[in-house]
Amino acid sequence: MAEKTFPLSREALEALTKRFPTPFHIYDEKAIRENARRLKKAFSVCEGFREYFAVKACPNPFLLKILADEGFGADCSSYPELLLSERAGIKGEMLMFTSNETPAQEFVEAKRLGAVINLDDLSHIDFLEKALADSGSPGLPELICFRYNPGPLKEGNAIIGKPEEAKYGLTREQIFEAYAKVKAKGVKRFGIHTMVASNELANDYFIETAQILFELIAELSAKLGIRFEFVNLGGGFGIPYRPEQKALDFDYIAAGIKRVYEEKIAAAGLAPLRIYMESGRTITGPFGYLVTRAIHHKHIYRDYIGVDACMADLMRPGVYGAYHHMSVIGKEGEPANSVYDVVGSLCENNDKFAVQRALPKIDLGDLIVIHDTGAHGRAMGFNYNAKLRSGELLLRADGSVTEIRRRETIEDYFATLDFKALDAFQV
């Protein structure tokens, strides 16, 4: 079983903490770029392949700029995510707006930015049309995409749940009605999308998803007389959080999708159909790390190690029971003969990064690296207990380190409060 590694030595990391006190998230630019190129190379066999990075996974404009430099677009679910992406140099149809229960103004801004609008419900056609008319920009966009929910045709997984229980997308019956309706309203260009898994590690799962969509596209094209420009197969690519897990085989998945494409799309005369994806976790997840320091120990019914990070910095273990591997820096080769709950300081008993985890003996002051936090890590931070969220660093290819988001301050936390009004407030 291969041990997970960290790209800095103990000495380099200790020196870094003198400049940037723990806790912090740090990302490995070189590894992210290499991974992005590996994905693009594998899927280059697919017609017009384009990856739209799921901004929600790691919404930092420095990382978005790196991925834009690698030719990626951005999958956005809110107006601020669209703006972040645009500031990072991702523009027009390199932006995909996949949102649900969307406020009217966010649709208006998405159209203004030229993003591909991916509608989540049949009723959103009229909602979008009214929002645009009320804004002084009447008429649906020339290009419209819909999110398909295959329901019982496709099994979900433990994280995202069964498709028929999910709030997302249109049913099979509705998807036919939706495309007919927007065609009648003058829409000329069409795409289709689905997203039915999260953190999935079965290679064939993604090939099966492609087959379902390709067959649906063939039927929609025949019955409605429309031509699809692209199919967005969604994301959901998992990463091996546990050292014993096996990573996905991009080459195998791409070859499988190409094979089904030839059978279902090319053979039906529907080519070219561009293949899009919106992976997030698999792009940055394995190359981000939360660095924290052991500051307390406690011995009651269990042995506890208290660290200076908390669930506000990484909520996945506490909320989902998710496993994140840990390295005690400088003790990687030592036997894991101590068992701890590794915990933060929130007033919540689920504020635990590890439960009954076998680790080397941890001394106060030891640096602990929590692996695979490059997606849904800092992005899901919050301020419960008035905790201030940690900053983000970028390890550059030349070994230098750049701060790409400073840690929050008390002033940040109070910024939305009006203390002058408080002083004048009568009780």
Foldseek 3Di string as FASTA:
>chain_A
DDDDDDPDAPVVVVVVCVVPPDWAKEFELVVLLVLLVVLCVLQVLAFQEAEAAECLFPVFLVVLLSVVVVVHAHEDAFQVSVVSNVVSPHFAQSYAHDYPPYDLVRLCVCVVRNYAYEDWDLVVVVSNQVSCVVVVRHDDDLEHEYEAQAAPVAQEDDPQHGSVPHPTTDYLVSVLVSVLVVVVRPRQAYEYEYAGYAQDADLVNLLVLLLVVLQSQLVSCVPRVHAYQEYESEERQHACQDPPDDHHDSNVSSVSSSVSCCVRAVVSVRPPYYYYYHYHLSSTQQRMKTKWFFADWDDDVFTETEIADWCLQFVCCLPVVDAWDKDFRPCNPPFQQGFYFYAYDDPDPSRTNDHRDRGPDHDGGTMMITGRCRTRGNSVGDQPVNDWYAWYWYQYPVRDIDTSGHTDDPCNSCVVPDVVVVVVDDD
